[in-house]
Amino acid sequence: LSERKMRLRYGLFVSSTATVRRKELCALRAVYGDLSEALEGEKGYRVRQVRDWIYERGITNFDEMTNLPLALRQKLARDVPEFALELLEERVSVDGTVKRAYRGGSSSAFVIESVLMRYDDGRNTACLSSQAGCAMGCVFCATGQMGFQKQLSALEIFEQACRFDAELKKQDTDSRGGGLNRVVMMGMGEPLLNFDAVSEAIDRIQSDLGIGARRITVSTVGVVPNILKFGERHPQCNLAISLHAANDQERSKLLPANQRYGGLDVLMETARDYWRMTNRQVTFEWALPHHDDVNDVTRKATELGLLLGRYGLYGPASHVNVIPLNPTKGFKGVAPASEANVRAFVDTLASHEISATIRLRRGIDIDAGCGQLATDLLHLVDDAGTPQQQLESS
């Protein structure tokens, strides 16, 4: 292809075929750590063919890449591992939500989970993990009850999205549309404590999967030092802050990291600065348990409304995502809020000029809902030892 045609077809501003090949190899490295080396001596168009199979058609099996010479297919199948993560288990909810458990690591084995949520309006959303386990210790979160095990690499984060995207693209007959079109970093771990890997994964999700920044959301418990850094690095992505209480005493009981990062005043000031810097609305996540008395609900909503209002986080500056609390093994006996209580909470916030939506509860029957990701599959990890055993012995 001529340089002009390559620009039109691939959206690349290049000066030579060699430059195209380098760019394509960099993109392929996001999926296959060794693939770029295996293709190093090939023609540029061969590299682009492999990339098209993976990213445009969702084909990751080299034997199915029929426009490649047989010798090249055999070479790739022999020399290149298909994925960094090994699928251990897949569970499908009655509502169609898919939860997967992956094993990763050679010298230090670990298990993570990720979730795919499909909606009738065409949204295909992947919920990705950024760490194996989590050190934040949020009492109602199953991952927090596991403890921290490992930081994921950018490849391990990206691959969770890439595999969902590839399989969706292969399902051409599905009326709900093609590949992945939304990503939320709300799986296992605290994304802003694995900043560099998460940031690189976001870049690859945008460039390689074509998912726009405004369709990518990163959730944090409130790692204050990295919130503005995130805004500078990804100003068009969405930020969600797990709030769950509007005073320091209650929030510190639910989220021990609250005091570690300076408490609510510091967090709210940082959220306000983020809004002013990016002009992007801040989402606050609020898990709502059952209350027998609706007055308790309205009182908490009023307290939240006053807190956000005190820092100018109302109107277009903020939005509250209300989450009926999901059950976890380590936080039993607390039921999700009733529909009437959730509605009272949302209506009270509206009186403070704060918009709110109610998060749909998806995948509850397979423990794939918000706060429920925690693997009980460590018995499937090989004889090298479980992640916890290795953590304790290191």
Protein backbone atom coordinates (compact mmCIF):
# COMPACT_ATOMS: atom_id res chain seq x y z
CA LEU A 1 0.00 0.00 0.00
CA SER A 2 1.08 3.56 -0.62
CA GLU A 3 1.78 5.82 2.37
CA ARG A 4 -1.41 7.77 1.64
CA LYS A 5 -3.55 4.62 1.54
CA MET A 6 -1.98 3.36 4.73
CA ARG A 7 -2.88 6.61 6.46
CA LEU A 8 -6.47 6.38 5.26
CA ARG A 9 -6.85 2.72 6.14
CA TYR A 10 -5.01 2.53 9.44
CA GLY A 11 -5.12 6.11 10.71
CA LEU A 12 -1.32 6.20 10.99
CA PHE A 13 0.87 9.20 10.28
CA VAL A 14 3.97 7.45 9.06
CA SER A 15 7.05 8.07 7.00
CA SER A 16 7.94 4.53 5.92
CA THR A 17 6.77 0.93 5.80
CA ALA A 18 9.31 0.14 8.51
CA THR A 19 7.63 2.67 10.79
CA VAL A 20 4.25 1.02 10.15
CA ARG A 21 5.72 -2.34 11.11
CA ARG A 22 7.16 -0.95 14.34
CA LYS A 23 3.79 0.58 15.29
CA GLU A 24 1.94 -2.63 14.49
CA LEU A 25 4.43 -4.71 16.44
CA CYS A 26 4.01 -2.43 19.46
CA ALA A 27 0.25 -2.93 19.29
CA LEU A 28 0.59 -6.70 19.03
CA ARG A 29 2.92 -6.78 22.02
CA ALA A 30 -0.08 -5.70 24.09
CA VAL A 31 -1.64 -9.12 23.56
CA TYR A 32 1.30 -11.43 23.00
CA GLY A 33 4.51 -10.71 24.85
CA ASP A 34 6.57 -12.75 22.37
CA LEU A 35 4.61 -12.11 19.17
CA SER A 36 6.53 -9.02 18.13
CA GLU A 37 9.81 -10.95 18.23
CA ALA A 38 8.32 -13.81 16.20
CA LEU A 39 7.18 -11.37 13.50
CA GLU A 40 10.28 -9.17 13.51
CA GLY A 41 11.57 -10.35 10.14
CA GLU A 42 8.20 -10.46 8.36
CA LYS A 43 6.87 -8.00 5.82
CA GLY A 44 4.82 -5.10 7.19
CA TYR A 45 1.62 -6.36 5.58
CA ARG A 46 1.98 -9.71 7.36
CA VAL A 47 2.17 -7.91 10.69
CA ARG A 48 -0.96 -5.92 9.83
CA GLN A 49 -2.77 -9.12 8.81
CA VAL A 50 -2.11 -10.66 12.22
CA ARG A 51 -3.24 -7.46 13.92
CA ASP A 52 -6.45 -7.38 11.86
CA TRP A 53 -7.25 -10.97 12.81
CA ILE A 54 -6.86 -10.20 16.51
CA TYR A 55 -8.39 -6.73 16.82
CA GLU A 56 -10.90 -6.56 13.98
CA ARG A 57 -12.16 -10.14 13.75
CA GLY A 58 -11.55 -11.39 17.27
CA ILE A 59 -9.46 -14.37 16.13
CA THR A 60 -6.62 -15.31 18.47
CA ASN A 61 -5.94 -18.85 17.25
CA PHE A 62 -3.10 -18.71 14.72
CA ASP A 63 -4.43 -21.76 12.85
CA GLU A 64 -7.55 -19.76 11.93
CA MET A 65 -5.56 -16.91 10.33
CA THR A 66 -6.05 -18.35 6.87
CA ASN A 67 -4.38 -15.59 4.82
CA LEU A 68 -1.04 -16.29 6.51
CA PRO A 69 1.35 -18.85 5.00
CA LEU A 70 1.13 -22.24 6.69
CA ALA A 71 4.78 -22.06 7.73
CA LEU A 72 4.21 -18.73 9.51
CA ARG A 73 1.09 -20.03 11.27
CA GLN A 74 3.02 -23.06 12.48
CA LYS A 75 5.90 -20.89 13.63
CA LEU A 76 3.59 -18.59 15.61
CA ALA A 77 1.70 -21.51 17.15
CA ARG A 78 5.00 -23.09 18.19
CA ASP A 79 6.84 -20.02 19.47
CA VAL A 80 4.17 -17.73 20.92
CA PRO A 81 2.02 -18.44 23.99
CA GLU A 82 -1.57 -17.48 23.24
CA PHE A 83 -2.22 -15.55 26.46
CA ALA A 84 -0.52 -14.50 29.68
CA LEU A 85 -3.56 -15.49 31.76
CA GLU A 86 -4.94 -19.02 32.01
CA LEU A 87 -8.72 -19.31 32.21
CA LEU A 88 -9.63 -21.39 35.27
CA GLU A 89 -13.38 -21.03 35.41
CA GLU A 90 -16.24 -19.19 33.73
CA ARG A 91 -19.67 -18.73 35.27
CA VAL A 92 -22.75 -17.24 33.60
CA SER A 93 -25.52 -15.54 35.53
CA VAL A 94 -29.22 -15.89 34.81
CA ASP A 95 -29.08 -12.27 33.57
CA GLY A 96 -26.27 -13.08 31.09
CA THR A 97 -23.42 -11.59 33.11
CA VAL A 98 -20.18 -13.55 32.69
CA LYS A 99 -17.57 -13.90 35.45
CA ARG A 100 -14.14 -15.37 34.77
CA ALA A 101 -11.36 -16.50 37.03
CA TYR A 102 -7.84 -16.38 35.60
CA ARG A 103 -4.61 -17.84 36.84
CA GLY A 104 -1.46 -15.87 36.17
CA GLY A 105 2.17 -15.88 37.05
CA SER A 106 4.88 -18.47 36.64
CA SER A 107 7.10 -17.91 39.65
CA SER A 108 4.36 -16.33 41.80
CA ALA A 109 0.96 -17.77 40.98
CA PHE A 110 -2.18 -15.70 41.55
CA VAL A 111 -5.86 -15.77 40.66
CA ILE A 112 -8.00 -12.82 39.59
CA GLU A 113 -11.55 -12.31 38.36
CA SER A 114 -13.12 -10.11 35.69
CA VAL A 115 -16.71 -9.61 34.57
CA LEU A 116 -18.55 -8.95 31.30
CA MET A 117 -21.95 -7.26 31.45
CA ARG A 118 -24.11 -7.08 28.33
CA TYR A 119 -27.16 -4.88 28.01
CA ASP A 120 -30.03 -4.86 25.56
CA ASP A 121 -29.22 -1.27 24.54
CA GLY A 122 -25.89 -2.41 23.04
CA ARG A 123 -23.56 -1.69 25.93
CA ASN A 124 -20.87 -4.31 26.40
CA THR A 125 -19.01 -3.45 29.60
CA ALA A 126 -15.96 -5.18 31.05
CA CYS A 127 -15.16 -4.85 34.74
CA LEU A 128 -11.40 -5.36 35.10
CA SER A 129 -9.13 -6.19 38.03
CA SER A 130 -5.98 -4.15 38.60
CA GLN A 131 -4.52 -6.15 41.49
CA ALA A 132 -4.75 -9.67 42.85
CA GLY A 133 -6.48 -9.04 46.15
CA CYS A 134 -6.56 -5.58 47.74
CA ALA A 135 -4.91 -3.85 50.69
CA MET A 136 -7.67 -1.31 51.33
CA GLY A 137 -9.67 -3.57 53.64
CA CYS A 138 -13.16 -2.18 52.92
CA VAL A 139 -15.35 -4.23 55.25
CA PHE A 140 -18.22 -4.85 52.81
CA CYS A 141 -15.95 -5.77 49.87
CA ALA A 142 -15.06 -9.41 49.28
CA THR A 143 -11.75 -8.49 47.63
CA GLY A 144 -10.78 -6.38 50.63
CA GLN A 145 -11.47 -9.37 52.86
CA MET A 146 -8.84 -11.34 50.85
CA GLY A 147 -5.92 -9.05 51.55
CA PHE A 148 -3.33 -7.91 49.01
CA GLN A 149 -1.39 -10.41 46.89
CA LYS A 150 0.10 -8.84 43.75
CA GLN A 151 0.15 -5.86 41.40
CA LEU A 152 -1.00 -6.80 37.90
CA SER A 153 1.06 -5.79 34.90
CA ALA A 154 -0.36 -3.56 32.17
CA LEU A 155 -0.55 -6.65 29.93
CA GLU A 156 -2.50 -8.63 32.53
CA ILE A 157 -4.99 -5.80 32.93
CA PHE A 158 -5.33 -5.17 29.21
CA GLU A 159 -5.67 -8.85 28.37
CA GLN A 160 -8.86 -9.15 30.45
CA ALA A 161 -10.49 -6.56 28.16
CA CYS A 162 -8.90 -7.86 24.98
CA ARG A 163 -10.20 -11.39 25.45
CA PHE A 164 -13.76 -10.25 26.08
CA ASP A 165 -13.50 -7.95 23.05
CA ALA A 166 -12.20 -10.71 20.76
CA GLU A 167 -14.93 -13.13 21.72
CA LEU A 168 -17.67 -10.54 21.34
CA LYS A 169 -16.45 -9.74 17.83
CA LYS A 170 -16.64 -13.42 16.90
CA GLN A 171 -20.32 -13.48 17.86
CA ASP A 172 -21.45 -11.75 14.67
CA THR A 173 -25.00 -13.04 14.86
CA ASP A 174 -25.74 -11.43 18.20
CA SER A 175 -28.19 -8.58 17.71
CA ARG A 176 -26.69 -6.56 20.55
CA GLY A 177 -23.68 -5.55 18.53
CA GLY A 178 -19.95 -6.12 18.18
CA GLY A 179 -17.03 -5.84 20.54
CA LEU A 180 -16.43 -4.33 23.90
CA ASN A 181 -17.42 -0.65 24.11
CA ARG A 182 -17.04 0.24 27.80
CA VAL A 183 -14.51 -0.54 30.51
CA VAL A 184 -14.70 0.01 34.26
CA MET A 185 -11.73 -0.50 36.58
CA MET A 186 -13.95 -1.69 39.40
CA GLY A 187 -12.79 -5.27 39.78
CA MET A 188 -10.28 -6.61 42.26
CA GLY A 189 -7.80 -4.10 43.67
CA GLU A 190 -7.26 -0.36 44.01
CA PRO A 191 -6.39 1.00 40.54
CA LEU A 192 -4.68 4.17 41.74
CA LEU A 193 -2.21 2.13 43.80
CA ASN A 194 -1.09 0.44 40.57
CA PHE A 195 -1.01 3.69 38.67
CA ASP A 196 1.58 3.09 35.97
CA ALA A 197 0.25 -0.31 34.90
CA VAL A 198 -3.37 0.90 34.92
CA SER A 199 -2.41 4.00 32.94
CA GLU A 200 -0.59 1.95 30.30
CA ALA A 201 -3.53 -0.47 30.09
CA ILE A 202 -5.93 2.45 29.54
CA ASP A 203 -3.73 3.72 26.70
CA ARG A 204 -3.84 0.29 25.04
CA ILE A 205 -7.59 -0.08 25.54
CA GLN A 206 -8.03 3.20 23.68
CA SER A 207 -5.49 2.69 20.92
CA ASP A 208 -5.88 -1.05 20.30
CA LEU A 209 -9.55 -1.70 21.10
CA GLY A 210 -10.85 1.68 19.97
CA ILE A 211 -12.73 2.42 23.20
CA GLY A 212 -12.95 6.16 23.83
CA ALA A 213 -11.70 7.76 27.04
CA ARG A 214 -15.19 8.85 28.06
CA ARG A 215 -16.24 5.21 28.08
CA ILE A 216 -13.51 4.24 30.54
CA THR A 217 -14.08 4.65 34.29
CA VAL A 218 -11.56 4.20 37.09
CA SER A 219 -12.86 3.70 40.63
CA THR A 220 -10.82 4.55 43.72
CA VAL A 221 -11.35 4.36 47.44
CA GLY A 222 -9.77 7.81 47.56
CA VAL A 223 -6.00 7.52 47.01
CA VAL A 224 -5.60 11.28 47.23
CA PRO A 225 -1.99 11.60 45.98
CA ASN A 226 -2.90 10.00 42.64
CA ILE A 227 -6.32 11.53 41.92
CA LEU A 228 -4.98 14.73 40.35
CA LYS A 229 -2.21 12.73 38.70
CA PHE A 230 -4.92 10.61 37.09
CA GLY A 231 -6.73 13.76 35.94
CA GLU A 232 -3.57 15.09 34.33
CA ARG A 233 -2.71 11.80 32.63
CA HIS A 234 -6.26 10.86 31.51
CA PRO A 235 -8.33 14.07 31.57
CA GLN A 236 -11.20 12.63 29.51
CA CYS A 237 -11.63 9.37 31.44
CA ASN A 238 -14.20 9.09 34.21
CA LEU A 239 -13.34 9.08 37.91
CA ALA A 240 -15.51 7.32 40.49
CA ILE A 241 -14.82 7.67 44.22
CA SER A 242 -16.09 5.00 46.62
CA LEU A 243 -17.54 7.21 49.33
CA HIS A 244 -20.22 5.23 51.22
CA ALA A 245 -20.34 7.56 54.26
CA ALA A 246 -20.46 11.33 54.73
CA ASN A 247 -18.59 11.66 58.02
CA ASP A 248 -15.12 10.49 59.01
CA GLN A 249 -16.23 8.30 61.90
CA GLU A 250 -18.54 6.13 59.79
CA ARG A 251 -16.34 6.15 56.71
CA SER A 252 -13.25 5.05 58.62
CA LYS A 253 -15.18 2.06 60.00
CA LEU A 254 -16.25 1.00 56.51
CA LEU A 255 -13.10 2.06 54.64
CA PRO A 256 -9.97 1.95 56.85
CA ALA A 257 -8.03 3.84 54.16
CA ASN A 258 -10.09 6.96 54.90
CA GLN A 259 -7.77 8.26 57.62
CA ARG A 260 -4.67 7.02 55.83
CA TYR A 261 -5.28 9.59 53.09
CA GLY A 262 -6.31 12.49 55.32
CA GLY A 263 -10.03 11.97 55.83
CA LEU A 264 -13.05 13.40 54.06
CA ASP A 265 -12.00 17.05 54.03
CA VAL A 266 -8.82 16.29 52.10
CA LEU A 267 -10.67 13.92 49.77
CA MET A 268 -13.43 16.44 49.01
CA GLU A 269 -10.93 19.22 48.38
CA THR A 270 -9.06 16.95 45.96
CA ALA A 271 -12.30 15.96 44.20
CA ARG A 272 -13.17 19.63 43.81
CA ASP A 273 -9.71 20.37 42.39
CA TYR A 274 -10.11 17.44 39.99
CA TRP A 275 -13.43 18.83 38.76
CA ARG A 276 -11.95 22.29 38.25
CA MET A 277 -8.89 20.92 36.46
CA THR A 278 -10.65 18.51 34.08
CA ASN A 279 -14.19 19.89 33.93
CA ARG A 280 -15.22 16.25 34.25
CA GLN A 281 -18.05 15.27 36.58
CA VAL A 282 -16.97 13.24 39.61
CA THR A 283 -19.04 10.16 40.40
CA PHE A 284 -19.45 9.18 44.05
CA GLU A 285 -20.36 5.55 44.75
CA TRP A 286 -22.61 4.86 47.70
CA ALA A 287 -23.51 1.34 48.91
CA LEU A 288 -26.92 1.47 50.54
CA PRO A 289 -27.90 -1.27 53.02
CA HIS A 290 -31.41 -1.97 54.25
CA HIS A 291 -32.91 0.44 56.81
CA ASP A 292 -36.14 -0.26 58.64
CA ASP A 293 -36.79 3.44 59.07
CA VAL A 294 -36.90 5.57 55.92
CA ASN A 295 -35.93 8.56 58.09
CA ASP A 296 -32.47 6.99 58.51
CA VAL A 297 -32.12 6.93 54.74
CA THR A 298 -33.16 10.54 54.23
CA ARG A 299 -30.89 11.62 57.07
CA LYS A 300 -27.87 9.99 55.43
CA ALA A 301 -28.78 11.47 52.06
CA THR A 302 -29.10 14.92 53.63
CA GLU A 303 -25.69 14.53 55.26
CA LEU A 304 -24.20 13.56 51.89
CA GLY A 305 -25.92 16.46 50.15
CA LEU A 306 -24.55 18.94 52.69
CA LEU A 307 -21.04 17.47 52.42
CA LEU A 308 -20.91 17.74 48.63
CA GLY A 309 -22.56 21.16 48.69
CA ARG A 310 -19.96 22.49 51.14
CA TYR A 311 -17.26 21.83 48.56
CA GLY A 312 -19.23 22.99 45.53
CA LEU A 313 -19.68 19.44 44.29
CA TYR A 314 -23.29 19.72 43.17
CA GLY A 315 -25.04 20.37 39.87
CA PRO A 316 -22.75 19.42 36.97
CA ALA A 317 -19.77 18.80 39.28
CA SER A 318 -20.92 15.49 40.71
CA HIS A 319 -23.17 12.49 40.38
CA VAL A 320 -24.01 9.78 42.92
CA ASN A 321 -24.24 6.14 41.90
CA VAL A 322 -26.42 4.40 44.48
CA ILE A 323 -25.61 0.70 44.90
CA PRO A 324 -28.00 -1.54 46.83
CA LEU A 325 -25.52 -3.37 49.05
CA ASN A 326 -24.55 -6.81 47.79
CA PRO A 327 -23.91 -9.69 50.24
CA THR A 328 -20.40 -11.06 50.77
CA LYS A 329 -19.10 -13.94 52.87
CA GLY A 330 -17.28 -11.66 55.30
CA PHE A 331 -20.08 -9.12 55.71
CA LYS A 332 -23.18 -11.17 56.37
CA GLY A 333 -26.52 -10.22 57.84
CA VAL A 334 -26.85 -6.91 55.99
CA ALA A 335 -29.51 -6.88 53.28
CA PRO A 336 -29.64 -4.49 50.31
CA ALA A 337 -31.84 -1.43 50.59
CA SER A 338 -35.47 -1.70 49.55
CA GLU A 339 -36.67 -0.01 46.39
CA ALA A 340 -38.60 2.53 48.46
CA ASN A 341 -35.53 3.43 50.52
CA VAL A 342 -33.35 3.78 47.44
CA ARG A 343 -35.93 6.10 45.88
CA ALA A 344 -36.09 8.19 49.06
CA PHE A 345 -32.29 8.49 49.03
CA VAL A 346 -32.24 9.64 45.39
CA ASP A 347 -35.11 12.11 45.90
CA THR A 348 -33.40 13.67 48.92
CA LEU A 349 -30.19 14.17 46.95
CA ALA A 350 -32.20 15.85 44.18
CA SER A 351 -33.36 18.46 46.69
CA HIS A 352 -29.66 19.33 47.13
CA GLU A 353 -29.15 19.69 43.35
CA ILE A 354 -27.26 16.41 43.17
CA SER A 355 -28.16 13.91 40.46
CA ALA A 356 -28.17 10.21 41.24
CA THR A 357 -28.82 6.93 39.50
CA ILE A 358 -29.45 3.46 40.86
CA ARG A 359 -26.95 0.86 39.71
CA LEU A 360 -28.49 -2.24 38.18
CA ARG A 361 -27.68 -5.34 40.22
CA ARG A 362 -26.05 -7.77 37.81
CA GLY A 363 -24.59 -11.23 38.34
CA ILE A 364 -25.59 -11.50 42.00
CA ASP A 365 -26.25 -15.24 41.71
CA ILE A 366 -22.63 -15.87 40.65
CA ASP A 367 -21.01 -13.36 43.05
CA ALA A 368 -20.20 -11.00 40.19
CA GLY A 369 -21.90 -7.90 41.63
CA CYS A 370 -20.24 -4.79 43.00
CA GLY A 371 -18.00 -5.71 45.94
CA GLN A 372 -18.40 -9.47 45.42
CA LEU A 373 -15.24 -10.31 43.46
CA ALA A 374 -13.03 -12.62 45.49
CA THR A 375 -11.70 -15.88 44.25
CA ASP A 376 -12.31 -19.15 46.06
CA LEU A 377 -10.37 -21.00 43.34
CA LEU A 378 -6.92 -20.98 44.92
CA HIS A 379 -7.11 -24.77 45.17
CA LEU A 380 -6.76 -24.83 41.38
CA VAL A 381 -3.36 -23.12 41.46
CA ASP A 382 -0.53 -25.57 40.84
CA ASP A 383 1.82 -27.11 43.35
CA ALA A 384 4.06 -24.03 43.37
CA GLY A 385 1.84 -22.88 46.24
CA THR A 386 -1.10 -20.56 46.64
CA PRO A 387 -0.60 -16.81 46.31
CA GLN A 388 -1.10 -16.40 50.08
CA GLN A 389 1.49 -19.04 50.88
CA GLN A 390 4.00 -17.36 48.62
CA LEU A 391 3.25 -13.94 50.09
CA GLU A 392 3.87 -15.23 53.61
CA SER A 393 7.09 -17.00 52.64
CA SER A 394 8.61 -14.02 50.81
